[in-house]
Amino acid sequence: FLSRLGAVFGPYTQPSQAEYWDMWTAVRTNDGNLVVDSILQYINQRKKHRDRWVGALMSTSVPLHLIYGPLDPVNPHPEFLQLYKKVLPMSTVSVLDDHISHYPQLEDPTGFLNAYLNFINSF
């Protein structure tokens, strides 16, 4: 659990042992650990449903904003960001500090909150 989860956090933003324990406890609630494999099927479904899911984002009238950690190994920089901006040019983007990875809300809560509030206050 720690090694898999730790791999998507930046090297300077690794959760503490207490935070890992809290995450594991959350996963274990109501035997959630028994359904993690089925929940993670969305990874395989991304190709199958790409047109539908991306199409929904492209056609929405709801304002979109991405808060992005450029060290994200799941959505690598700069390729992911270039594709995102090309496919969703109407979306705004906040790029956090270079050491922020896949979980910006946990790795840089203040930066994440500021980016979110700037987006919300832009209306």
N, C-alpha and C. Protein backbone atom coordinates (compact mmCIF):
# COMPACT_ATOMS: atom_id res chain seq x y z
N PHE A 1 0.83 -1.19 0.00
CA PHE A 1 0.00 0.00 0.00
C PHE A 1 0.87 1.25 0.00
N LEU A 2 1.85 1.28 0.90
CA LEU A 2 2.72 2.45 1.01
C LEU A 2 3.54 2.66 -0.25
N SER A 3 4.11 1.61 -0.80
CA SER A 3 4.97 1.78 -1.96
C SER A 3 4.17 2.19 -3.19
N ARG A 4 3.01 1.60 -3.39
CA ARG A 4 2.18 1.96 -4.54
C ARG A 4 1.69 3.39 -4.43
N LEU A 5 1.18 3.75 -3.27
CA LEU A 5 0.67 5.10 -3.07
C LEU A 5 1.80 6.11 -3.05
N GLY A 6 2.88 5.76 -2.40
CA GLY A 6 4.02 6.66 -2.31
C GLY A 6 4.61 7.01 -3.66
N ALA A 7 4.46 6.12 -4.64
CA ALA A 7 5.02 6.34 -5.97
C ALA A 7 4.36 7.50 -6.71
N VAL A 8 3.16 7.88 -6.32
CA VAL A 8 2.49 8.98 -7.01
C VAL A 8 2.53 10.28 -6.21
N PHE A 9 3.28 10.29 -5.13
CA PHE A 9 3.56 11.52 -4.40
C PHE A 9 4.97 11.96 -4.78
N GLY A 10 5.21 13.26 -4.70
CA GLY A 10 6.54 13.77 -4.98
C GLY A 10 7.52 13.35 -3.89
N PRO A 11 8.82 13.37 -4.21
CA PRO A 11 9.82 12.94 -3.22
C PRO A 11 9.87 13.83 -1.97
N TYR A 12 9.45 15.07 -2.10
CA TYR A 12 9.48 16.00 -0.96
C TYR A 12 8.12 16.16 -0.31
N THR A 13 7.13 15.44 -0.81
CA THR A 13 5.76 15.60 -0.30
C THR A 13 5.15 14.28 0.11
N GLN A 14 6.00 13.32 0.47
CA GLN A 14 5.51 12.01 0.91
C GLN A 14 4.67 12.15 2.17
N PRO A 15 3.57 11.41 2.26
CA PRO A 15 2.77 11.43 3.49
C PRO A 15 3.58 10.92 4.68
N SER A 16 3.21 11.38 5.84
CA SER A 16 3.82 10.87 7.07
C SER A 16 3.26 9.47 7.34
N GLN A 17 3.88 8.77 8.27
CA GLN A 17 3.37 7.45 8.65
C GLN A 17 1.94 7.55 9.16
N ALA A 18 1.65 8.60 9.92
CA ALA A 18 0.28 8.79 10.43
C ALA A 18 -0.70 9.02 9.29
N GLU A 19 -0.29 9.78 8.26
CA GLU A 19 -1.18 10.03 7.12
C GLU A 19 -1.40 8.74 6.32
N TYR A 20 -0.34 7.97 6.13
CA TYR A 20 -0.51 6.67 5.46
C TYR A 20 -1.49 5.79 6.25
N TRP A 21 -1.34 5.78 7.55
CA TRP A 21 -2.23 4.98 8.37
C TRP A 21 -3.68 5.46 8.23
N ASP A 22 -3.88 6.77 8.21
CA ASP A 22 -5.23 7.31 8.02
C ASP A 22 -5.82 6.90 6.67
N MET A 23 -4.99 6.94 5.62
CA MET A 23 -5.45 6.54 4.29
C MET A 23 -5.81 5.05 4.27
N TRP A 24 -4.95 4.22 4.88
CA TRP A 24 -5.23 2.79 4.95
C TRP A 24 -6.50 2.53 5.74
N THR A 25 -6.69 3.24 6.82
CA THR A 25 -7.90 3.09 7.64
C THR A 25 -9.13 3.46 6.81
N ALA A 26 -9.02 4.53 6.03
CA ALA A 26 -10.14 4.93 5.18
C ALA A 26 -10.46 3.86 4.13
N VAL A 27 -9.42 3.29 3.54
CA VAL A 27 -9.62 2.23 2.55
C VAL A 27 -10.27 1.01 3.18
N ARG A 28 -9.89 0.69 4.40
CA ARG A 28 -10.39 -0.51 5.09
C ARG A 28 -11.82 -0.34 5.62
N THR A 29 -12.31 0.89 5.72
CA THR A 29 -13.65 1.11 6.25
C THR A 29 -14.67 0.34 5.42
N ASN A 30 -15.55 -0.36 6.11
CA ASN A 30 -16.60 -1.17 5.46
C ASN A 30 -16.01 -2.14 4.44
N ASP A 31 -14.83 -2.69 4.74
CA ASP A 31 -14.16 -3.65 3.86
C ASP A 31 -13.87 -3.08 2.47
N GLY A 32 -13.63 -1.78 2.40
CA GLY A 32 -13.33 -1.13 1.12
C GLY A 32 -12.14 -1.73 0.41
N ASN A 33 -11.19 -2.26 1.17
CA ASN A 33 -10.02 -2.88 0.55
C ASN A 33 -10.40 -4.07 -0.33
N LEU A 34 -11.56 -4.65 -0.10
CA LEU A 34 -11.99 -5.80 -0.90
C LEU A 34 -12.53 -5.40 -2.27
N VAL A 35 -12.81 -4.11 -2.46
CA VAL A 35 -13.36 -3.66 -3.75
C VAL A 35 -12.42 -2.72 -4.50
N VAL A 36 -11.21 -2.52 -3.97
CA VAL A 36 -10.28 -1.61 -4.63
C VAL A 36 -10.03 -2.04 -6.08
N ASP A 37 -9.86 -3.33 -6.33
CA ASP A 37 -9.62 -3.79 -7.70
C ASP A 37 -10.75 -3.39 -8.64
N SER A 38 -11.99 -3.54 -8.20
CA SER A 38 -13.11 -3.18 -9.07
C SER A 38 -13.21 -1.67 -9.26
N ILE A 39 -12.85 -0.90 -8.24
CA ILE A 39 -12.87 0.55 -8.37
C ILE A 39 -11.80 1.00 -9.37
N LEU A 40 -10.66 0.36 -9.35
CA LEU A 40 -9.56 0.74 -10.23
C LEU A 40 -9.80 0.32 -11.68
N GLN A 41 -10.92 -0.32 -11.98
CA GLN A 41 -11.23 -0.69 -13.36
C GLN A 41 -11.40 0.54 -14.25
N TYR A 42 -11.63 1.71 -13.64
CA TYR A 42 -11.75 2.91 -14.46
C TYR A 42 -10.47 3.14 -15.28
N ILE A 43 -9.34 2.65 -14.78
CA ILE A 43 -8.09 2.80 -15.52
C ILE A 43 -8.20 2.08 -16.87
N ASN A 44 -8.75 0.88 -16.86
CA ASN A 44 -8.94 0.13 -18.11
C ASN A 44 -10.07 0.72 -18.95
N GLN A 45 -11.04 1.34 -18.30
CA GLN A 45 -12.19 1.89 -19.00
C GLN A 45 -11.89 3.22 -19.69
N ARG A 46 -10.77 3.84 -19.37
CA ARG A 46 -10.45 5.15 -19.96
C ARG A 46 -10.39 5.08 -21.48
N LYS A 47 -9.79 4.04 -22.04
CA LYS A 47 -9.72 3.93 -23.50
C LYS A 47 -11.09 3.64 -24.08
N LYS A 48 -11.81 2.74 -23.45
CA LYS A 48 -13.13 2.34 -23.95
C LYS A 48 -14.10 3.52 -23.97
N HIS A 49 -14.08 4.34 -22.95
CA HIS A 49 -15.05 5.43 -22.82
C HIS A 49 -14.47 6.81 -23.10
N ARG A 50 -13.26 6.87 -23.64
CA ARG A 50 -12.58 8.15 -23.83
C ARG A 50 -13.44 9.15 -24.59
N ASP A 51 -13.97 8.76 -25.73
CA ASP A 51 -14.74 9.71 -26.54
C ASP A 51 -15.94 10.25 -25.76
N ARG A 52 -16.61 9.39 -25.04
CA ARG A 52 -17.79 9.81 -24.26
C ARG A 52 -17.38 10.74 -23.11
N TRP A 53 -16.35 10.35 -22.37
CA TRP A 53 -15.94 11.13 -21.19
C TRP A 53 -15.33 12.46 -21.61
N VAL A 54 -14.42 12.45 -22.58
CA VAL A 54 -13.80 13.69 -23.04
C VAL A 54 -14.84 14.54 -23.76
N GLY A 55 -15.71 13.90 -24.51
CA GLY A 55 -16.79 14.64 -25.19
C GLY A 55 -17.66 15.42 -24.22
N ALA A 56 -17.94 14.81 -23.07
CA ALA A 56 -18.74 15.51 -22.05
C ALA A 56 -18.00 16.74 -21.55
N LEU A 57 -16.71 16.62 -21.34
CA LEU A 57 -15.93 17.79 -20.90
C LEU A 57 -15.87 18.86 -21.99
N MET A 58 -15.76 18.43 -23.24
CA MET A 58 -15.67 19.38 -24.35
C MET A 58 -16.98 20.13 -24.58
N SER A 59 -18.10 19.49 -24.26
CA SER A 59 -19.39 20.09 -24.58
C SER A 59 -20.07 20.75 -23.39
N THR A 60 -19.48 20.68 -22.21
CA THR A 60 -20.13 21.24 -21.04
C THR A 60 -20.12 22.77 -21.06
N SER A 61 -21.12 23.35 -20.45
CA SER A 61 -21.14 24.80 -20.26
C SER A 61 -20.64 25.16 -18.86
N VAL A 62 -20.33 24.15 -18.07
CA VAL A 62 -19.81 24.34 -16.72
C VAL A 62 -18.34 24.76 -16.82
N PRO A 63 -17.94 25.80 -16.14
CA PRO A 63 -16.52 26.19 -16.19
C PRO A 63 -15.62 25.08 -15.65
N LEU A 64 -14.52 24.86 -16.34
CA LEU A 64 -13.57 23.83 -15.95
C LEU A 64 -12.25 24.47 -15.53
N HIS A 65 -11.63 23.86 -14.53
CA HIS A 65 -10.32 24.32 -14.08
C HIS A 65 -9.52 23.12 -13.61
N LEU A 66 -8.29 23.02 -14.07
CA LEU A 66 -7.39 21.95 -13.67
C LEU A 66 -6.34 22.51 -12.72
N ILE A 67 -6.17 21.86 -11.59
CA ILE A 67 -5.09 22.19 -10.67
C ILE A 67 -4.10 21.04 -10.78
N TYR A 68 -2.90 21.35 -11.25
CA TYR A 68 -1.97 20.33 -11.73
C TYR A 68 -0.64 20.38 -11.01
N GLY A 69 -0.17 19.21 -10.64
CA GLY A 69 1.18 19.05 -10.11
C GLY A 69 2.09 18.53 -11.21
N PRO A 70 3.09 19.29 -11.64
CA PRO A 70 3.89 18.90 -12.80
C PRO A 70 4.79 17.69 -12.59
N LEU A 71 4.91 17.19 -11.38
CA LEU A 71 5.70 15.99 -11.14
C LEU A 71 4.84 14.73 -11.17
N ASP A 72 3.60 14.85 -11.61
CA ASP A 72 2.64 13.75 -11.65
C ASP A 72 3.10 12.65 -12.60
N PRO A 73 3.39 11.44 -12.09
CA PRO A 73 3.80 10.35 -12.98
C PRO A 73 2.64 9.73 -13.74
N VAL A 74 1.43 9.94 -13.29
CA VAL A 74 0.24 9.39 -13.96
C VAL A 74 -0.11 10.24 -15.18
N ASN A 75 0.06 11.55 -15.04
CA ASN A 75 -0.23 12.51 -16.12
C ASN A 75 1.04 13.34 -16.33
N PRO A 76 2.04 12.77 -17.05
CA PRO A 76 3.37 13.38 -17.10
C PRO A 76 3.42 14.75 -17.78
N HIS A 77 4.26 15.57 -17.21
CA HIS A 77 4.51 16.92 -17.71
C HIS A 77 5.64 16.84 -18.73
N PRO A 78 5.60 17.56 -19.82
CA PRO A 78 4.61 18.52 -20.25
C PRO A 78 3.55 17.93 -21.17
N GLU A 79 3.70 16.64 -21.54
CA GLU A 79 2.80 16.04 -22.54
C GLU A 79 1.34 16.13 -22.12
N PHE A 80 1.04 15.76 -20.88
CA PHE A 80 -0.34 15.77 -20.44
C PHE A 80 -0.93 17.17 -20.51
N LEU A 81 -0.19 18.14 -20.01
CA LEU A 81 -0.70 19.51 -19.97
C LEU A 81 -0.92 20.06 -21.38
N GLN A 82 -0.03 19.75 -22.30
CA GLN A 82 -0.19 20.18 -23.69
C GLN A 82 -1.44 19.58 -24.31
N LEU A 83 -1.65 18.28 -24.09
CA LEU A 83 -2.84 17.62 -24.62
C LEU A 83 -4.10 18.17 -23.98
N TYR A 84 -4.08 18.36 -22.67
CA TYR A 84 -5.24 18.89 -21.95
C TYR A 84 -5.64 20.25 -22.52
N LYS A 85 -4.67 21.14 -22.70
CA LYS A 85 -4.96 22.49 -23.20
C LYS A 85 -5.45 22.45 -24.64
N LYS A 86 -4.94 21.50 -25.42
CA LYS A 86 -5.37 21.36 -26.81
C LYS A 86 -6.81 20.86 -26.89
N VAL A 87 -7.13 19.85 -26.08
CA VAL A 87 -8.46 19.23 -26.11
C VAL A 87 -9.50 20.10 -25.41
N LEU A 88 -9.11 20.77 -24.35
CA LEU A 88 -10.05 21.59 -23.56
C LEU A 88 -9.55 23.03 -23.46
N PRO A 89 -9.50 23.74 -24.59
CA PRO A 89 -8.94 25.09 -24.56
C PRO A 89 -9.76 26.08 -23.73
N MET A 90 -11.00 25.75 -23.45
CA MET A 90 -11.83 26.65 -22.65
C MET A 90 -11.58 26.51 -21.15
N SER A 91 -10.84 25.47 -20.76
CA SER A 91 -10.53 25.24 -19.36
C SER A 91 -9.36 26.13 -18.95
N THR A 92 -9.41 26.59 -17.72
CA THR A 92 -8.26 27.28 -17.16
C THR A 92 -7.42 26.26 -16.40
N VAL A 93 -6.16 26.62 -16.14
CA VAL A 93 -5.23 25.69 -15.51
C VAL A 93 -4.38 26.43 -14.49
N SER A 94 -4.18 25.82 -13.35
CA SER A 94 -3.20 26.28 -12.37
C SER A 94 -2.13 25.20 -12.26
N VAL A 95 -0.89 25.56 -12.48
CA VAL A 95 0.22 24.64 -12.33
C VAL A 95 0.93 24.99 -11.03
N LEU A 96 0.98 24.03 -10.13
CA LEU A 96 1.60 24.25 -8.84
C LEU A 96 3.12 24.09 -8.94
N ASP A 97 3.82 24.21 -7.83
CA ASP A 97 5.28 24.14 -7.81
C ASP A 97 5.79 22.84 -8.42
N ASP A 98 7.02 22.88 -8.91
CA ASP A 98 7.63 21.76 -9.64
C ASP A 98 7.69 20.46 -8.85
N HIS A 99 7.67 20.51 -7.55
CA HIS A 99 7.80 19.29 -6.73
C HIS A 99 6.45 18.67 -6.37
N ILE A 100 5.36 19.21 -6.88
CA ILE A 100 4.02 18.70 -6.57
C ILE A 100 3.64 17.65 -7.60
N SER A 101 3.02 16.56 -7.14
CA SER A 101 2.76 15.41 -7.99
C SER A 101 1.26 15.16 -8.17
N HIS A 102 0.83 13.92 -8.03
CA HIS A 102 -0.51 13.47 -8.40
C HIS A 102 -1.61 13.89 -7.43
N TYR A 103 -1.28 14.15 -6.18
CA TYR A 103 -2.28 14.53 -5.19
C TYR A 103 -2.02 15.95 -4.69
N PRO A 104 -2.23 16.96 -5.55
CA PRO A 104 -1.89 18.34 -5.15
C PRO A 104 -2.65 18.82 -3.92
N GLN A 105 -3.86 18.32 -3.73
CA GLN A 105 -4.65 18.75 -2.57
C GLN A 105 -4.04 18.28 -1.26
N LEU A 106 -3.25 17.20 -1.31
CA LEU A 106 -2.56 16.70 -0.12
C LEU A 106 -1.11 17.19 -0.05
N GLU A 107 -0.48 17.34 -1.20
CA GLU A 107 0.93 17.70 -1.24
C GLU A 107 1.17 19.20 -1.05
N ASP A 108 0.22 20.00 -1.47
CA ASP A 108 0.33 21.46 -1.33
C ASP A 108 -1.06 22.03 -1.05
N PRO A 109 -1.60 21.77 0.15
CA PRO A 109 -2.97 22.21 0.43
C PRO A 109 -3.18 23.71 0.29
N THR A 110 -2.19 24.51 0.66
CA THR A 110 -2.34 25.96 0.55
C THR A 110 -2.34 26.38 -0.91
N GLY A 111 -1.39 25.87 -1.69
CA GLY A 111 -1.36 26.19 -3.11
C GLY A 111 -2.61 25.72 -3.82
N PHE A 112 -3.09 24.53 -3.46
CA PHE A 112 -4.31 24.00 -4.05
C PHE A 112 -5.50 24.89 -3.71
N LEU A 113 -5.62 25.26 -2.43
CA LEU A 113 -6.74 26.10 -2.00
C LEU A 113 -6.69 27.46 -2.69
N ASN A 114 -5.51 28.06 -2.79
CA ASN A 114 -5.39 29.35 -3.46
C ASN A 114 -5.80 29.25 -4.93
N ALA A 115 -5.37 28.19 -5.61
CA ALA A 115 -5.74 27.99 -7.01
C ALA A 115 -7.25 27.81 -7.14
N TYR A 116 -7.83 27.04 -6.25
CA TYR A 116 -9.28 26.81 -6.27
C TYR A 116 -10.03 28.12 -6.01
N LEU A 117 -9.63 28.85 -5.00
CA LEU A 117 -10.32 30.11 -4.67
C LEU A 117 -10.17 31.13 -5.77
N ASN A 118 -8.99 31.20 -6.41
CA ASN A 118 -8.82 32.10 -7.54
C ASN A 118 -9.77 31.75 -8.68
N PHE A 119 -9.94 30.47 -8.91
CA PHE A 119 -10.89 30.02 -9.94
C PHE A 119 -12.32 30.41 -9.57
N ILE A 120 -12.73 30.07 -8.36
CA ILE A 120 -14.09 30.38 -7.93
C ILE A 120 -14.35 31.89 -7.94
N ASN A 121 -13.38 32.65 -7.49
CA ASN A 121 -13.54 34.12 -7.43
C ASN A 121 -13.42 34.78 -8.79
N SER A 122 -13.13 34.03 -9.84
CA SER A 122 -13.01 34.61 -11.17
C SER A 122 -14.38 34.80 -11.83
N PHE A 123 -15.44 34.33 -11.19
CA PHE A 123 -16.79 34.47 -11.77
C PHE A 123 -17.40 35.79 -11.39
